[in-house]
Amino acid sequence: MFKKMLVTMFGLAIAAATALTPAHAGLVIKQDFWGKNADNSLVLFGQLVVDPTQAVQWSGSIYKAYGWSSFKLFGTDVAKPAPLFEAEFDMDNLYAGFSFLSFDVSDSNNQYNFFGVNDVALDLSFFDLRDASKAFDDPASVIFTDDTLVTPGSTAVSAPASAALLMLGFAGLMLRRRQAA
């Protein structure tokens, strides 16, 4: 009897926690950066993740983020803070991804410099990844640039905590069903 009451209370607590969370709180916006090698094979060299709950309202449902949850270049974290970072998105349509993205960052080991601008409204996009150990005007410093860089649109994905809560709820339902049988 006590076990059933404990399971029921646990289920109610999980339901209350998810009911009080805003719908967009479980989502993050992710942007992958791919580069083409000499043989035209693609390599994932960068990944940016922005948490919409950390953004500020700009106008109506348009929000701007001036920081990120995660930004990696070749698996290495990008150094914080980056004063030249801005990401804009529509809070009512997070699945549309970023409508504007601008940054100029370096990884924490200072091996790479990465800068770019993407403005969906102006249909403008430019990205450039360079080796920081070489002079900026040295052609050998270019690793990927606009003609060798592939940036599919950003997407909203479930945050890991949301997936964990979903799996926990599913496990609880399966346990309950197993006990009933």
C-alpha atoms as a PDB file:
ATOM      1  CA  MET A   1       0.000   0.000   0.000  1.00  0.00           C
ATOM      2  CA  PHE A   2       2.766   2.400   0.995  1.00  0.00           C
ATOM      3  CA  LYS A   3       4.666   1.591  -2.198  1.00  0.00           C
ATOM      4  CA  LYS A   4       1.651   2.461  -4.388  1.00  0.00           C
ATOM      5  CA  MET A   5       1.121   5.728  -2.527  1.00  0.00           C
ATOM      6  CA  LEU A   6       4.815   6.624  -2.935  1.00  0.00           C
ATOM      7  CA  VAL A   7       4.726   5.900  -6.677  1.00  0.00           C
ATOM      8  CA  THR A   8       1.538   7.969  -7.043  1.00  0.00           C
ATOM      9  CA  MET A   9       3.043  10.915  -5.130  1.00  0.00           C
ATOM     10  CA  PHE A  10       6.188  10.723  -7.268  1.00  0.00           C
ATOM     11  CA  GLY A  11       4.071  10.751 -10.443  1.00  0.00           C
ATOM     12  CA  LEU A  12       2.086  13.759  -9.219  1.00  0.00           C
ATOM     13  CA  ALA A  13       5.302  15.631  -8.370  1.00  0.00           C
ATOM     14  CA  ILE A  14       6.696  15.013 -11.866  1.00  0.00           C
ATOM     15  CA  ALA A  15       3.408  16.075 -13.470  1.00  0.00           C
ATOM     16  CA  ALA A  16       3.307  19.275 -11.391  1.00  0.00           C
ATOM     17  CA  ALA A  17       6.909  20.135 -12.263  1.00  0.00           C
ATOM     18  CA  THR A  18       6.300  19.735 -15.977  1.00  0.00           C
ATOM     19  CA  ALA A  19       2.972  21.558 -15.861  1.00  0.00           C
ATOM     20  CA  LEU A  20       4.561  24.625 -14.260  1.00  0.00           C
ATOM     21  CA  THR A  21       7.383  24.783 -16.816  1.00  0.00           C
ATOM     22  CA  PRO A  22       6.758  27.026 -19.853  1.00  0.00           C
ATOM     23  CA  ALA A  23       6.448  25.169 -23.160  1.00  0.00           C
ATOM     24  CA  HIS A  24       9.627  26.707 -24.580  1.00  0.00           C
ATOM     25  CA  ALA A  25      11.725  26.062 -21.458  1.00  0.00           C
ATOM     26  CA  GLY A  26      12.626  22.542 -22.538  1.00  0.00           C
ATOM     27  CA  LEU A  27      13.953  23.639 -25.923  1.00  0.00           C
ATOM     28  CA  VAL A  28      17.346  24.909 -26.973  1.00  0.00           C
ATOM     29  CA  ILE A  29      18.306  26.264 -30.396  1.00  0.00           C
ATOM     30  CA  LYS A  30      21.227  24.450 -32.002  1.00  0.00           C
ATOM     31  CA  GLN A  31      23.363  25.470 -34.978  1.00  0.00           C
ATOM     32  CA  ASP A  32      25.886  23.047 -36.499  1.00  0.00           C
ATOM     33  CA  PHE A  33      28.802  24.235 -38.620  1.00  0.00           C
ATOM     34  CA  TRP A  34      30.154  21.866 -41.285  1.00  0.00           C
ATOM     35  CA  GLY A  35      33.189  22.336 -43.501  1.00  0.00           C
ATOM     36  CA  LYS A  36      34.108  20.683 -46.803  1.00  0.00           C
ATOM     37  CA  ASN A  37      37.489  18.968 -46.995  1.00  0.00           C
ATOM     38  CA  ALA A  38      39.524  18.872 -50.231  1.00  0.00           C
ATOM     39  CA  ASP A  39      37.749  15.599 -51.176  1.00  0.00           C
ATOM     40  CA  ASN A  40      34.323  17.268 -50.594  1.00  0.00           C
ATOM     41  CA  SER A  41      33.655  15.153 -47.501  1.00  0.00           C
ATOM     42  CA  LEU A  42      31.981  17.060 -44.659  1.00  0.00           C
ATOM     43  CA  VAL A  43      33.404  17.497 -41.184  1.00  0.00           C
ATOM     44  CA  LEU A  44      31.447  18.856 -38.226  1.00  0.00           C
ATOM     45  CA  PHE A  45      33.810  21.435 -36.737  1.00  0.00           C
ATOM     46  CA  GLY A  46      31.505  23.623 -34.679  1.00  0.00           C
ATOM     47  CA  GLN A  47      28.327  23.537 -32.677  1.00  0.00           C
ATOM     48  CA  LEU A  48      26.439  26.386 -31.030  1.00  0.00           C
ATOM     49  CA  VAL A  49      23.629  25.929 -28.490  1.00  0.00           C
ATOM     50  CA  VAL A  50      21.550  28.857 -27.189  1.00  0.00           C
ATOM     51  CA  ASP A  51      19.018  28.611 -24.356  1.00  0.00           C
ATOM     52  CA  PRO A  52      15.962  30.772 -25.200  1.00  0.00           C
ATOM     53  CA  THR A  53      15.189  31.302 -21.508  1.00  0.00           C
ATOM     54  CA  GLN A  54      18.450  33.278 -21.186  1.00  0.00           C
ATOM     55  CA  ALA A  55      17.485  35.774 -23.919  1.00  0.00           C
ATOM     56  CA  VAL A  56      15.947  39.230 -23.591  1.00  0.00           C
ATOM     57  CA  GLN A  57      12.800  40.450 -25.309  1.00  0.00           C
ATOM     58  CA  TRP A  58      13.612  42.782 -28.169  1.00  0.00           C
ATOM     59  CA  SER A  59      10.278  43.477 -29.855  1.00  0.00           C
ATOM     60  CA  GLY A  60       7.043  41.523 -29.545  1.00  0.00           C
ATOM     61  CA  SER A  61       7.955  37.847 -29.793  1.00  0.00           C
ATOM     62  CA  ILE A  62      11.476  38.588 -31.099  1.00  0.00           C
ATOM     63  CA  TYR A  63      14.174  37.817 -28.525  1.00  0.00           C
ATOM     64  CA  LYS A  64      17.950  38.334 -28.564  1.00  0.00           C
ATOM     65  CA  ALA A  65      20.596  36.266 -26.832  1.00  0.00           C
ATOM     66  CA  TYR A  66      23.988  37.754 -26.089  1.00  0.00           C
ATOM     67  CA  GLY A  67      25.504  34.519 -24.796  1.00  0.00           C
ATOM     68  CA  TRP A  68      25.311  30.774 -25.344  1.00  0.00           C
ATOM     69  CA  SER A  69      24.890  27.574 -23.377  1.00  0.00           C
ATOM     70  CA  SER A  70      27.567  25.816 -25.406  1.00  0.00           C
ATOM     71  CA  PHE A  71      29.825  26.819 -28.293  1.00  0.00           C
ATOM     72  CA  LYS A  72      32.505  24.378 -29.433  1.00  0.00           C
ATOM     73  CA  LEU A  73      35.105  24.398 -32.205  1.00  0.00           C
ATOM     74  CA  PHE A  74      36.585  20.973 -32.970  1.00  0.00           C
ATOM     75  CA  GLY A  75      35.294  19.798 -29.587  1.00  0.00           C
ATOM     76  CA  THR A  76      36.977  22.616 -27.628  1.00  0.00           C
ATOM     77  CA  ASP A  77      34.909  25.217 -25.781  1.00  0.00           C
ATOM     78  CA  VAL A  78      34.875  28.742 -27.129  1.00  0.00           C
ATOM     79  CA  ALA A  79      36.319  31.289 -24.704  1.00  0.00           C
ATOM     80  CA  LYS A  80      33.785  33.385 -22.775  1.00  0.00           C
ATOM     81  CA  PRO A  81      32.829  36.156 -22.735  1.00  0.00           C
ATOM     82  CA  ALA A  82      32.530  37.060 -26.382  1.00  0.00           C
ATOM     83  CA  PRO A  83      31.320  40.663 -26.607  1.00  0.00           C
ATOM     84  CA  LEU A  84      30.601  40.332 -30.325  1.00  0.00           C
ATOM     85  CA  PHE A  85      27.910  37.647 -30.102  1.00  0.00           C
ATOM     86  CA  GLU A  86      24.243  38.140 -30.927  1.00  0.00           C
ATOM     87  CA  ALA A  87      21.547  35.634 -31.815  1.00  0.00           C
ATOM     88  CA  GLU A  88      17.975  36.622 -32.653  1.00  0.00           C
ATOM     89  CA  PHE A  89      14.946  34.332 -32.834  1.00  0.00           C
ATOM     90  CA  ASP A  90      11.153  34.328 -32.648  1.00  0.00           C
ATOM     91  CA  MET A  91       9.997  32.959 -29.288  1.00  0.00           C
ATOM     92  CA  ASP A  92       6.637  32.022 -30.843  1.00  0.00           C
ATOM     93  CA  ASN A  93       8.384  29.878 -33.468  1.00  0.00           C
ATOM     94  CA  LEU A  94      11.583  28.431 -31.981  1.00  0.00           C
ATOM     95  CA  TYR A  95      11.618  25.711 -34.639  1.00  0.00           C
ATOM     96  CA  ALA A  96      12.438  28.395 -37.234  1.00  0.00           C
ATOM     97  CA  GLY A  97      15.859  28.747 -35.578  1.00  0.00           C
ATOM     98  CA  PHE A  98      17.945  31.907 -35.647  1.00  0.00           C
ATOM     99  CA  SER A  99      16.717  34.789 -37.804  1.00  0.00           C
ATOM    100  CA  PHE A 100      19.989  36.639 -37.152  1.00  0.00           C
ATOM    101  CA  LEU A 101      23.343  35.365 -35.905  1.00  0.00           C
ATOM    102  CA  SER A 102      26.579  37.325 -35.559  1.00  0.00           C
ATOM    103  CA  PHE A 103      29.770  36.350 -33.725  1.00  0.00           C
ATOM    104  CA  ASP A 104      33.543  36.727 -33.591  1.00  0.00           C
ATOM    105  CA  VAL A 105      35.015  34.105 -31.247  1.00  0.00           C
ATOM    106  CA  SER A 106      38.138  32.072 -30.484  1.00  0.00           C
ATOM    107  CA  ASP A 107      38.399  28.681 -28.840  1.00  0.00           C
ATOM    108  CA  SER A 108      39.736  28.564 -25.281  1.00  0.00           C
ATOM    109  CA  ASN A 109      43.107  27.191 -26.510  1.00  0.00           C
ATOM    110  CA  ASN A 110      43.367  30.113 -28.951  1.00  0.00           C
ATOM    111  CA  GLN A 111      43.981  27.786 -31.907  1.00  0.00           C
ATOM    112  CA  TYR A 112      41.067  28.993 -34.042  1.00  0.00           C
ATOM    113  CA  ASN A 113      39.348  32.279 -34.876  1.00  0.00           C
ATOM    114  CA  PHE A 114      35.785  31.926 -36.100  1.00  0.00           C
ATOM    115  CA  PHE A 115      33.527  34.739 -37.202  1.00  0.00           C
ATOM    116  CA  GLY A 116      30.310  34.917 -39.117  1.00  0.00           C
ATOM    117  CA  VAL A 117      27.074  36.686 -39.902  1.00  0.00           C
ATOM    118  CA  ASN A 118      23.784  35.166 -40.965  1.00  0.00           C
ATOM    119  CA  ASP A 119      20.742  37.386 -41.576  1.00  0.00           C
ATOM    120  CA  VAL A 120      17.713  35.500 -42.859  1.00  0.00           C
ATOM    121  CA  ALA A 121      15.743  38.673 -43.682  1.00  0.00           C
ATOM    122  CA  LEU A 122      18.519  40.024 -45.933  1.00  0.00           C
ATOM    123  CA  ASP A 123      19.456  36.558 -47.256  1.00  0.00           C
ATOM    124  CA  LEU A 124      23.032  37.314 -46.206  1.00  0.00           C
ATOM    125  CA  SER A 125      25.465  34.742 -44.867  1.00  0.00           C
ATOM    126  CA  PHE A 126      29.239  34.727 -44.377  1.00  0.00           C
ATOM    127  CA  PHE A 127      31.412  32.547 -42.144  1.00  0.00           C
ATOM    128  CA  ASP A 128      35.183  32.205 -41.833  1.00  0.00           C
ATOM    129  CA  LEU A 129      37.315  29.830 -39.719  1.00  0.00           C
ATOM    130  CA  ARG A 130      41.057  30.541 -39.480  1.00  0.00           C
ATOM    131  CA  ASP A 131      44.150  29.150 -37.809  1.00  0.00           C
ATOM    132  CA  ALA A 132      45.020  31.653 -35.061  1.00  0.00           C
ATOM    133  CA  SER A 133      48.711  30.737 -35.103  1.00  0.00           C
ATOM    134  CA  LYS A 134      49.132  32.245 -38.588  1.00  0.00           C
ATOM    135  CA  ALA A 135      48.810  35.856 -39.708  1.00  0.00           C
ATOM    136  CA  PHE A 136      45.248  36.851 -40.595  1.00  0.00           C
ATOM    137  CA  ASP A 137      46.224  37.930 -44.124  1.00  0.00           C
ATOM    138  CA  ASP A 138      48.143  34.674 -44.743  1.00  0.00           C
ATOM    139  CA  PRO A 139      46.105  32.514 -47.178  1.00  0.00           C
ATOM    140  CA  ALA A 140      47.337  29.429 -45.296  1.00  0.00           C
ATOM    141  CA  SER A 141      45.436  30.605 -42.216  1.00  0.00           C
ATOM    142  CA  VAL A 142      42.068  29.864 -43.871  1.00  0.00           C
ATOM    143  CA  ILE A 143      40.634  26.522 -42.754  1.00  0.00           C
ATOM    144  CA  PHE A 144      37.043  26.949 -43.950  1.00  0.00           C
ATOM    145  CA  THR A 145      35.469  29.973 -45.556  1.00  0.00           C
ATOM    146  CA  ASP A 146      32.216  30.736 -47.320  1.00  0.00           C
ATOM    147  CA  ASP A 147      32.828  28.468 -50.335  1.00  0.00           C
ATOM    148  CA  THR A 148      33.892  25.488 -48.167  1.00  0.00           C
ATOM    149  CA  LEU A 149      31.484  25.967 -45.279  1.00  0.00           C
ATOM    150  CA  VAL A 150      28.045  24.398 -45.043  1.00  0.00           C
ATOM    151  CA  THR A 151      25.652  25.772 -42.441  1.00  0.00           C
ATOM    152  CA  PRO A 152      22.260  24.158 -42.462  1.00  0.00           C
ATOM    153  CA  GLY A 153      19.628  26.201 -40.694  1.00  0.00           C
ATOM    154  CA  SER A 154      19.501  26.181 -36.940  1.00  0.00           C
ATOM    155  CA  THR A 155      16.883  24.037 -35.249  1.00  0.00           C
ATOM    156  CA  ALA A 156      15.158  23.817 -31.901  1.00  0.00           C
ATOM    157  CA  VAL A 157      15.826  20.590 -30.050  1.00  0.00           C
ATOM    158  CA  SER A 158      14.674  19.246 -26.706  1.00  0.00           C
ATOM    159  CA  ALA A 159      17.000  19.973 -23.871  1.00  0.00           C
ATOM    160  CA  PRO A 160      18.502  16.893 -22.194  1.00  0.00           C
ATOM    161  CA  ALA A 161      16.519  17.569 -19.011  1.00  0.00           C
ATOM    162  CA  SER A 162      13.242  17.315 -20.945  1.00  0.00           C
ATOM    163  CA  ALA A 163      14.287  14.013 -22.455  1.00  0.00           C
ATOM    164  CA  ALA A 164      15.298  12.733 -19.016  1.00  0.00           C
ATOM    165  CA  LEU A 165      11.917  13.688 -17.542  1.00  0.00           C
ATOM    166  CA  LEU A 166      10.120  12.015 -20.423  1.00  0.00           C
ATOM    167  CA  MET A 167      12.128   8.815 -19.986  1.00  0.00           C
ATOM    168  CA  LEU A 168      11.594   8.888 -16.222  1.00  0.00           C
ATOM    169  CA  GLY A 169       7.847   9.189 -16.719  1.00  0.00           C
ATOM    170  CA  PHE A 170       7.880   6.359 -19.250  1.00  0.00           C
ATOM    171  CA  ALA A 171       9.848   4.157 -16.847  1.00  0.00           C
ATOM    172  CA  GLY A 172       7.335   4.921 -14.094  1.00  0.00           C
ATOM    173  CA  LEU A 173       4.435   3.943 -16.337  1.00  0.00           C
ATOM    174  CA  MET A 174       6.134   0.701 -17.309  1.00  0.00           C
ATOM    175  CA  LEU A 175       6.852  -0.120 -13.654  1.00  0.00           C
ATOM    176  CA  ARG A 176       3.248   0.550 -12.725  1.00  0.00           C
ATOM    177  CA  ARG A 177       1.979  -1.608 -15.588  1.00  0.00           C
ATOM    178  CA  ARG A 178       4.334  -4.402 -14.590  1.00  0.00           C
ATOM    179  CA  GLN A 179       3.101  -4.287 -10.984  1.00  0.00           C
ATOM    180  CA  ALA A 180      -0.520  -4.387 -12.117  1.00  0.00           C
ATOM    181  CA  ALA A 181       0.038  -7.559 -14.176  1.00  0.00           C
END
